[in-house]
Amino acid sequence: MRHAYVVGTFDTKGDELRYVAGLVARGHPVATVDVSTSGASAEGVDFPAEQVAACHPAGADAVFTGDRGTAITEMSLALRNFLADREVAGIIGLGGSGGTALITPAMRELPVGLPKIMVSTVASGDTSSYVDCSDVVLFPSVTDIAGLNRISRRVLGNAANALLGALTGPQSSEESKPAVALSMFGVTTPCVTAIRDQLESHYDALVFHATGTGGRAMEKLVGDGLVSAVLDITTTEICDLIAGGVMSAGPQRLDVIARTGVPYVGSCGALDMVNFGARDTVPERYRQRLFYEHNPQVTLMRTTPEECRRIAEFIAAKLNSCPGPVRFLLPEGGVSLLDAPGQPFHDPEADEVLFQTLEEQVRQTDNRRLQRVPHNINDPEFAAAAVAAFHEIC
């Protein structure tokens, strides 16, 4: 039977880790893993720190350097390799800022759906560097992880029981239908919903919110071979990369499509907007631009023709690298709900720059084609065209 792994620095948090291990062991086999970087040995641990450190590509000496920052980074790499060679049912870690930075990268490498819980003193604020596009669950420790008391016992008990529930609770049956990934934003929801409705009888539709993290999560699943095709309707994260918005998925966006050759239907969804936070967070250089307040915490900025040209150049370069079947649809009636006649971001000139640049720079072949569609992206006719393109290549 696969084990639940309880991971942490037993030289400083041994009592707390053993407490959690004892709770989990009431309902599931447990293995304890020490990732201390001090070199001190912990008693009664299933996998001592020396054994974990030996999994580093350069050996244990690369971990036990005497420099705390370097040791945390290198032990994290060793832990990733250590876990990769084991049958892990679930994992729970405890840590402060250092332990959280050490343990969560290894958790992120484990498959989506495998239970991962991190009890942390830094489980609030911007936690993106710990979670990224994974399903790691952060539990705020409330008190420091520095001894067992009435608060820490309750919090650690809740975390241990959450792991047990995930390990022992009923699971949905395996889905036999092939999985397809779709990217969506609020302003492309009608389109993606219509596509999903037309495909879900034969496909398991996985919809990702194109917020930067969503795009990375989608492409990670593609890279892991868990998705058989992609309907990338909403490529808006590229706007944020080009113009400095807050929802970029990074310059690697679309690289996995080229690397895997997965069948790909894409479009220009929400390429009319760059995302910022509240209005007062918009950079000074943009203060005179056209904005739409989506809600008090999200401010949208209309892309200019020049930005649309740069966005199209980015997309074209990526599509030209794709060996697999590619169809990329150009919605002539607008690329979002806000880019329609009478709506605040309606700008046919900017859209045409986007479309023409794509047509000029994408090297079209029988396998890689652009298609103009004389409708707004949210019109039923556009969804039908996207589904037809999907069936053409899948």
Protein backbone atom coordinates (compact mmCIF):
# COMPACT_ATOMS: atom_id res chain seq x y z
CA MET A 1 0.00 0.00 0.00
CA ARG A 2 1.27 3.47 -0.82
CA HIS A 3 2.23 5.66 2.13
CA ALA A 4 1.32 9.16 3.22
CA TYR A 5 4.55 11.12 3.59
CA VAL A 6 5.02 13.52 6.53
CA VAL A 7 7.85 15.88 5.65
CA GLY A 8 9.70 18.57 7.57
CA THR A 9 12.81 19.56 9.48
CA PHE A 10 12.82 17.14 12.39
CA ASP A 11 15.73 18.96 14.07
CA THR A 12 13.48 21.96 14.80
CA LYS A 13 9.91 20.66 14.39
CA GLY A 14 10.17 17.03 15.42
CA ASP A 15 7.41 17.09 18.05
CA GLU A 16 4.92 18.67 15.68
CA LEU A 17 5.80 16.34 12.81
CA ARG A 18 5.51 13.25 14.99
CA TYR A 19 2.15 14.50 16.27
CA VAL A 20 0.85 14.83 12.71
CA ALA A 21 2.32 11.47 11.70
CA GLY A 22 0.56 9.80 14.62
CA LEU A 23 -2.79 11.27 13.63
CA VAL A 24 -2.47 10.26 9.99
CA ALA A 25 -1.28 6.77 10.98
CA ARG A 26 -4.65 6.11 12.62
CA GLY A 27 -6.14 5.76 9.17
CA HIS A 28 -3.34 5.25 6.66
CA PRO A 29 0.26 3.96 6.50
CA VAL A 30 2.74 6.77 7.12
CA ALA A 31 6.38 7.45 6.27
CA THR A 32 8.28 10.28 7.96
CA VAL A 33 10.88 12.22 5.99
CA ASP A 34 13.48 14.52 7.53
CA VAL A 35 14.71 17.40 5.38
CA SER A 36 16.82 19.14 8.02
CA THR A 37 19.84 20.90 6.57
CA SER A 38 21.79 21.26 9.82
CA GLY A 39 23.41 17.85 9.56
CA ALA A 40 21.95 16.80 12.91
CA SER A 41 20.41 13.33 12.98
CA ALA A 42 16.81 12.84 14.11
CA GLU A 43 15.73 9.68 15.91
CA GLY A 44 12.83 7.50 14.86
CA VAL A 45 12.51 8.88 11.34
CA ASP A 46 11.80 6.54 8.46
CA PHE A 47 13.94 8.49 6.01
CA PRO A 48 16.73 10.55 7.59
CA ALA A 49 18.00 13.76 6.05
CA GLU A 50 21.21 12.09 4.89
CA GLN A 51 19.23 9.62 2.78
CA VAL A 52 17.16 12.39 1.21
CA ALA A 53 20.22 14.54 0.55
CA ALA A 54 21.91 11.62 -1.20
CA CYS A 55 19.26 11.93 -3.92
CA HIS A 56 20.77 15.24 -5.02
CA PRO A 57 22.43 14.88 -8.45
CA ALA A 58 25.73 16.01 -6.93
CA GLY A 59 25.36 13.98 -3.75
CA ALA A 60 24.76 14.90 -0.14
CA ASP A 61 27.74 17.24 0.03
CA ALA A 62 25.89 19.61 -2.30
CA VAL A 63 23.18 19.94 0.36
CA PHE A 64 25.13 20.18 3.61
CA THR A 65 27.12 23.27 2.66
CA GLY A 66 26.83 25.20 5.89
CA ASP A 67 25.02 28.02 4.09
CA ARG A 68 21.33 27.99 5.03
CA GLY A 69 20.00 29.56 1.82
CA THR A 70 21.97 27.27 -0.45
CA ALA A 71 21.17 24.23 1.67
CA ILE A 72 17.41 24.88 1.46
CA THR A 73 17.55 25.18 -2.33
CA GLU A 74 19.64 22.04 -2.76
CA MET A 75 17.67 19.95 -0.25
CA SER A 76 14.51 20.93 -2.13
CA LEU A 77 16.00 19.48 -5.30
CA ALA A 78 17.04 16.35 -3.42
CA LEU A 79 13.51 15.97 -2.01
CA ARG A 80 12.03 16.19 -5.51
CA ASN A 81 14.27 13.36 -6.67
CA PHE A 82 13.58 11.36 -3.51
CA LEU A 83 9.80 11.53 -3.95
CA ALA A 84 10.01 10.79 -7.68
CA ASP A 85 11.28 7.29 -6.88
CA ARG A 86 8.51 6.45 -4.42
CA GLU A 87 4.86 5.48 -4.42
CA VAL A 88 3.31 8.50 -2.71
CA ALA A 89 -0.35 8.36 -1.70
CA GLY A 90 -0.37 11.86 -0.25
CA ILE A 91 1.95 14.32 1.45
CA ILE A 92 1.82 16.79 4.31
CA GLY A 93 4.58 19.20 5.27
CA LEU A 94 5.14 21.64 8.12
CA GLY A 95 7.36 24.68 7.92
CA GLY A 96 8.14 28.32 8.32
CA SER A 97 9.34 30.39 5.40
CA GLY A 98 12.38 28.19 4.84
CA GLY A 99 10.56 24.89 5.19
CA THR A 100 7.73 26.06 2.97
CA ALA A 101 10.20 27.15 0.29
CA LEU A 102 11.95 23.77 0.59
CA ILE A 103 8.95 21.44 0.58
CA THR A 104 6.41 23.02 -1.79
CA PRO A 105 8.55 22.78 -4.98
CA ALA A 106 8.70 19.02 -4.46
CA MET A 107 4.96 18.90 -3.84
CA ARG A 108 4.31 20.76 -7.09
CA GLU A 109 6.10 18.04 -9.04
CA LEU A 110 3.64 15.39 -7.84
CA PRO A 111 0.59 14.59 -9.99
CA VAL A 112 -2.48 16.79 -9.91
CA GLY A 113 -5.08 15.20 -7.66
CA LEU A 114 -2.59 13.59 -5.30
CA PRO A 115 -3.32 15.20 -1.88
CA LYS A 116 -0.73 17.82 -0.91
CA ILE A 117 -1.05 19.86 2.29
CA MET A 118 1.47 22.39 3.61
CA VAL A 119 0.98 23.80 7.10
CA SER A 120 2.90 27.05 7.00
CA THR A 121 3.55 30.25 8.89
CA VAL A 122 3.49 32.13 5.58
CA ALA A 123 0.20 30.78 4.21
CA SER A 124 -1.28 34.22 3.57
CA GLY A 125 -0.57 37.13 1.27
CA ASP A 126 1.06 36.35 -2.06
CA THR A 127 1.55 32.58 -1.98
CA SER A 128 1.97 32.15 -5.73
CA SER A 129 5.65 31.24 -5.40
CA TYR A 130 4.67 28.27 -3.23
CA VAL A 131 1.55 27.06 -5.07
CA ASP A 132 2.10 28.27 -8.65
CA CYS A 133 -0.24 26.26 -10.90
CA SER A 134 -0.44 23.19 -8.66
CA ASP A 135 -3.12 21.96 -6.25
CA VAL A 136 -0.99 22.35 -3.12
CA VAL A 137 -3.26 23.34 -0.21
CA LEU A 138 -1.79 25.80 2.29
CA PHE A 139 -2.94 25.68 5.92
CA PRO A 140 -2.09 28.79 7.98
CA SER A 141 -0.43 27.60 11.18
CA VAL A 142 -1.79 30.63 13.14
CA THR A 143 0.88 30.24 15.82
CA ASP A 144 4.49 29.59 14.94
CA ILE A 145 5.37 25.93 14.50
CA ALA A 146 7.38 25.98 17.69
CA GLY A 147 5.88 23.53 20.14
CA LEU A 148 2.54 21.86 20.72
CA ASN A 149 -0.15 23.92 22.40
CA ARG A 150 -3.93 24.23 22.36
CA ILE A 151 -3.88 26.18 19.08
CA SER A 152 -1.21 24.25 17.20
CA ARG A 153 -2.73 20.88 18.14
CA ARG A 154 -6.07 21.96 16.73
CA VAL A 155 -4.61 23.36 13.50
CA LEU A 156 -2.26 20.44 12.95
CA GLY A 157 -5.09 18.03 13.72
CA ASN A 158 -7.33 19.68 11.16
CA ALA A 159 -4.58 19.45 8.54
CA ALA A 160 -3.88 15.79 9.34
CA ASN A 161 -7.57 14.94 9.18
CA ALA A 162 -7.90 16.81 5.89
CA LEU A 163 -5.16 14.63 4.45
CA LEU A 164 -6.82 11.51 5.83
CA GLY A 165 -10.15 12.54 4.34
CA ALA A 166 -8.57 13.01 0.94
CA LEU A 167 -6.81 9.65 1.19
CA THR A 168 -9.72 7.57 2.46
CA GLY A 169 -12.80 9.33 1.11
CA PRO A 170 -14.70 8.01 -1.89
CA GLN A 171 -13.29 9.02 -5.25
CA SER A 172 -15.18 9.59 -8.47
CA SER A 173 -14.75 6.86 -11.05
CA GLU A 174 -12.05 7.27 -13.67
CA GLU A 175 -13.22 9.21 -16.70
CA SER A 176 -12.92 7.15 -19.86
CA LYS A 177 -13.49 10.04 -22.26
CA PRO A 178 -10.40 11.80 -23.66
CA ALA A 179 -9.61 15.13 -22.02
CA VAL A 180 -9.57 18.43 -23.90
CA ALA A 181 -8.38 21.71 -22.41
CA LEU A 182 -10.17 25.03 -22.98
CA SER A 183 -9.05 28.51 -21.90
CA MET A 184 -11.71 30.97 -20.77
CA PHE A 185 -12.19 34.47 -19.37
CA GLY A 186 -15.38 36.10 -18.18
CA VAL A 187 -15.59 37.98 -21.48
CA THR A 188 -15.31 34.75 -23.51
CA THR A 189 -17.54 32.61 -21.31
CA PRO A 190 -20.47 32.35 -23.79
CA CYS A 191 -18.12 31.00 -26.45
CA VAL A 192 -16.34 28.47 -24.27
CA THR A 193 -19.59 27.33 -22.67
CA ALA A 194 -21.12 26.70 -26.09
CA ILE A 195 -18.04 24.75 -27.21
CA ARG A 196 -18.03 22.70 -24.03
CA ASP A 197 -21.71 21.89 -24.42
CA GLN A 198 -21.08 20.59 -27.93
CA LEU A 199 -18.11 18.43 -26.95
CA GLU A 200 -18.86 17.06 -23.50
CA SER A 201 -20.80 14.01 -24.69
CA HIS A 202 -17.56 12.62 -26.14
CA TYR A 203 -14.84 14.55 -24.30
CA ASP A 204 -13.95 15.48 -20.75
CA ALA A 205 -13.76 19.27 -20.99
CA LEU A 206 -11.20 20.89 -18.66
CA VAL A 207 -11.77 24.65 -18.53
CA PHE A 208 -8.94 26.90 -17.32
CA HIS A 209 -9.33 30.52 -16.23
CA ALA A 210 -6.82 32.55 -18.27
CA THR A 211 -5.34 34.40 -15.31
CA GLY A 212 -1.69 33.50 -15.82
CA THR A 213 -1.81 30.64 -13.36
CA GLY A 214 -4.61 29.09 -15.40
CA GLY A 215 -2.62 29.12 -18.61
CA ARG A 216 0.39 27.59 -16.90
CA ALA A 217 -1.78 24.91 -15.30
CA MET A 218 -3.34 24.06 -18.65
CA GLU A 219 0.02 23.78 -20.35
CA LYS A 220 1.48 21.72 -17.50
CA LEU A 221 -1.25 19.12 -18.02
CA VAL A 222 -0.53 19.17 -21.75
CA GLY A 223 3.15 18.62 -21.03
CA ASP A 224 2.31 15.76 -18.67
CA GLY A 225 0.37 14.03 -21.46
CA LEU A 226 -2.98 14.30 -19.67
CA VAL A 227 -4.72 16.30 -22.41
CA SER A 228 -5.41 15.01 -25.90
CA ALA A 229 -6.24 18.36 -27.54
CA VAL A 230 -6.40 22.07 -26.75
CA LEU A 231 -9.05 24.66 -27.54
CA ASP A 232 -7.12 27.77 -26.57
CA ILE A 233 -9.93 30.22 -27.20
CA THR A 234 -8.65 32.81 -24.71
CA THR A 235 -5.02 33.79 -25.28
CA THR A 236 -5.35 37.02 -23.29
CA GLU A 237 -2.43 36.21 -20.98
CA ILE A 238 -0.15 37.22 -23.85
CA CYS A 239 -1.48 40.79 -23.60
CA ASP A 240 -0.28 40.97 -20.01
CA LEU A 241 3.13 39.63 -21.01
CA ILE A 242 3.51 42.21 -23.77
CA ALA A 243 2.12 45.24 -21.92
CA GLY A 244 3.10 44.48 -18.33
CA GLY A 245 -0.25 43.40 -16.90
CA VAL A 246 -0.72 41.23 -13.84
CA MET A 247 -2.03 38.05 -15.47
CA SER A 248 0.83 36.96 -17.69
CA ALA A 249 1.51 33.24 -18.01
CA GLY A 250 5.11 34.06 -18.90
CA PRO A 251 7.10 33.99 -22.14
CA GLN A 252 6.79 30.20 -22.31
CA ARG A 253 3.09 30.44 -23.21
CA LEU A 254 2.39 28.11 -26.19
CA ASP A 255 5.82 26.47 -26.03
CA VAL A 256 4.33 23.18 -24.84
CA ILE A 257 2.05 23.11 -27.89
CA ALA A 258 5.12 23.17 -30.09
CA ARG A 259 7.00 20.68 -27.93
CA THR A 260 4.23 18.07 -27.79
CA GLY A 261 2.53 18.55 -31.15
CA VAL A 262 -0.87 18.27 -29.46
CA PRO A 263 -3.81 19.15 -31.77
CA TYR A 264 -4.47 22.86 -31.22
CA VAL A 265 -7.38 25.16 -32.00
CA GLY A 266 -6.67 28.71 -30.87
CA SER A 267 -8.20 32.13 -31.11
CA CYS A 268 -7.88 35.75 -30.07
CA GLY A 269 -10.10 35.66 -27.00
CA ALA A 270 -9.73 38.82 -24.86
CA LEU A 271 -6.71 40.09 -26.79
CA ASP A 272 -8.39 43.47 -26.43
CA MET A 273 -7.42 43.84 -22.79
CA VAL A 274 -4.57 44.06 -20.31
CA ASN A 275 -5.30 43.30 -16.65
CA PHE A 276 -4.34 45.38 -13.65
CA GLY A 277 -5.51 45.45 -10.06
CA ALA A 278 -7.50 48.30 -8.54
CA ARG A 279 -7.47 51.51 -10.58
CA ASP A 280 -4.76 53.13 -8.47
CA THR A 281 -2.36 50.27 -9.28
CA VAL A 282 -2.25 51.07 -13.01
CA PRO A 283 1.27 52.24 -13.96
CA GLU A 284 1.61 55.98 -14.42
CA ARG A 285 2.61 55.61 -18.08
CA TYR A 286 -0.83 54.18 -18.85
CA ARG A 287 -3.00 56.66 -16.92
CA GLN A 288 -4.40 58.31 -20.08
CA ARG A 289 -5.46 55.06 -21.74
CA LEU A 290 -8.96 53.60 -22.18
CA PHE A 291 -10.03 51.57 -19.13
CA TYR A 292 -12.95 49.47 -18.00
CA GLU A 293 -13.45 48.68 -14.31
CA HIS A 294 -14.38 45.00 -14.29
CA ASN A 295 -14.75 45.11 -10.50
CA PRO A 296 -13.10 47.12 -7.70
CA GLN A 297 -10.04 44.84 -7.80
CA VAL A 298 -9.67 44.37 -11.57
CA THR A 299 -9.09 47.17 -14.07
CA LEU A 300 -8.95 46.36 -17.79
CA MET A 301 -7.00 48.45 -20.32
CA ARG A 302 -7.77 48.34 -24.04
CA THR A 303 -4.87 47.20 -26.19
CA THR A 304 -3.66 49.62 -28.86
CA PRO A 305 -3.00 48.76 -32.51
CA GLU A 306 0.74 48.71 -31.77
CA GLU A 307 0.28 46.34 -28.85
CA CYS A 308 -1.95 44.15 -31.02
CA ARG A 309 0.82 43.98 -33.60
CA ARG A 310 3.32 42.83 -30.97
CA ILE A 311 0.86 40.31 -29.56
CA ALA A 312 0.29 38.89 -33.03
CA GLU A 313 4.03 38.64 -33.65
CA PHE A 314 4.44 36.65 -30.43
CA ILE A 315 1.62 34.27 -31.33
CA ALA A 316 2.83 33.84 -34.91
CA ALA A 317 6.33 32.90 -33.80
CA LYS A 318 4.93 30.25 -31.46
CA LEU A 319 2.49 28.83 -34.02
CA ASN A 320 5.24 28.59 -36.61
CA SER A 321 7.09 26.25 -34.25
CA CYS A 322 4.16 23.86 -33.89
CA PRO A 323 4.56 20.53 -35.73
CA GLY A 324 1.10 19.28 -34.83
CA PRO A 325 -2.20 20.26 -36.45
CA VAL A 326 -3.07 23.91 -35.78
CA ARG A 327 -6.16 25.98 -36.54
CA PHE A 328 -6.29 29.59 -35.36
CA LEU A 329 -9.57 31.46 -35.71
CA LEU A 330 -9.89 35.23 -36.18
CA PRO A 331 -13.26 36.61 -34.96
CA GLU A 332 -13.88 39.61 -37.19
CA GLY A 333 -16.84 40.78 -35.08
CA GLY A 334 -14.72 41.26 -31.97
CA VAL A 335 -12.56 39.28 -29.59
CA SER A 336 -14.58 39.64 -26.37
CA LEU A 337 -17.89 40.76 -24.89
CA LEU A 338 -16.38 44.24 -24.51
CA ASP A 339 -15.19 44.30 -28.13
CA ALA A 340 -18.57 44.43 -29.83
CA PRO A 341 -20.55 47.30 -31.39
CA GLY A 342 -21.62 49.71 -28.68
CA GLN A 343 -19.25 48.22 -26.10
CA PRO A 344 -16.36 50.19 -24.55
CA PHE A 345 -13.49 48.23 -26.12
CA HIS A 346 -14.93 47.95 -29.63
CA ASP A 347 -12.02 48.89 -31.91
CA PRO A 348 -12.14 47.30 -35.38
CA GLU A 349 -8.90 49.07 -36.36
CA ALA A 350 -6.90 47.47 -33.53
CA ASP A 351 -8.47 44.09 -34.24
CA GLU A 352 -7.61 44.33 -37.92
CA VAL A 353 -3.97 45.06 -37.08
CA LEU A 354 -4.01 41.91 -34.96
CA PHE A 355 -5.55 39.80 -37.71
CA GLN A 356 -3.42 41.17 -40.56
CA THR A 357 -0.19 40.73 -38.62
CA LEU A 358 -1.08 37.12 -37.92
CA GLU A 359 -1.89 36.53 -41.59
CA GLU A 360 1.39 38.13 -42.64
CA GLN A 361 3.59 36.23 -40.20
CA VAL A 362 2.06 32.79 -39.66
CA ARG A 363 3.51 30.36 -42.20
CA GLN A 364 0.33 28.63 -43.29
CA THR A 365 0.42 25.03 -44.50
CA ASP A 366 -2.12 22.25 -44.85
CA ASN A 367 -1.41 21.48 -41.20
CA ARG A 368 -1.28 25.06 -39.88
CA ARG A 369 -4.09 27.35 -40.95
CA LEU A 370 -5.72 30.63 -40.01
CA GLN A 371 -9.44 31.12 -40.50
CA ARG A 372 -11.39 34.37 -40.45
CA VAL A 373 -14.86 34.06 -38.95
CA PRO A 374 -17.30 36.96 -39.65
CA HIS A 375 -18.73 36.97 -36.12
CA ASN A 376 -17.95 38.08 -32.59
CA ILE A 377 -16.12 35.44 -30.59
CA ASN A 378 -19.19 34.96 -28.38
CA ASP A 379 -21.65 34.45 -31.23
CA PRO A 380 -22.99 30.89 -31.63
CA GLU A 381 -21.65 30.82 -35.18
CA PHE A 382 -18.11 31.33 -33.92
CA ALA A 383 -18.43 28.49 -31.41
CA ALA A 384 -19.71 26.27 -34.21
CA ALA A 385 -16.70 27.20 -36.35
CA ALA A 386 -14.33 26.37 -33.49
CA VAL A 387 -15.96 22.99 -32.96
CA ALA A 388 -15.77 22.27 -36.69
CA ALA A 389 -12.06 23.14 -36.69
CA PHE A 390 -11.58 20.87 -33.69
CA HIS A 391 -13.26 17.94 -35.42
CA GLU A 392 -11.19 18.60 -38.53
CA ILE A 393 -7.93 17.93 -36.69
CA CYS A 394 -9.02 15.50 -33.94
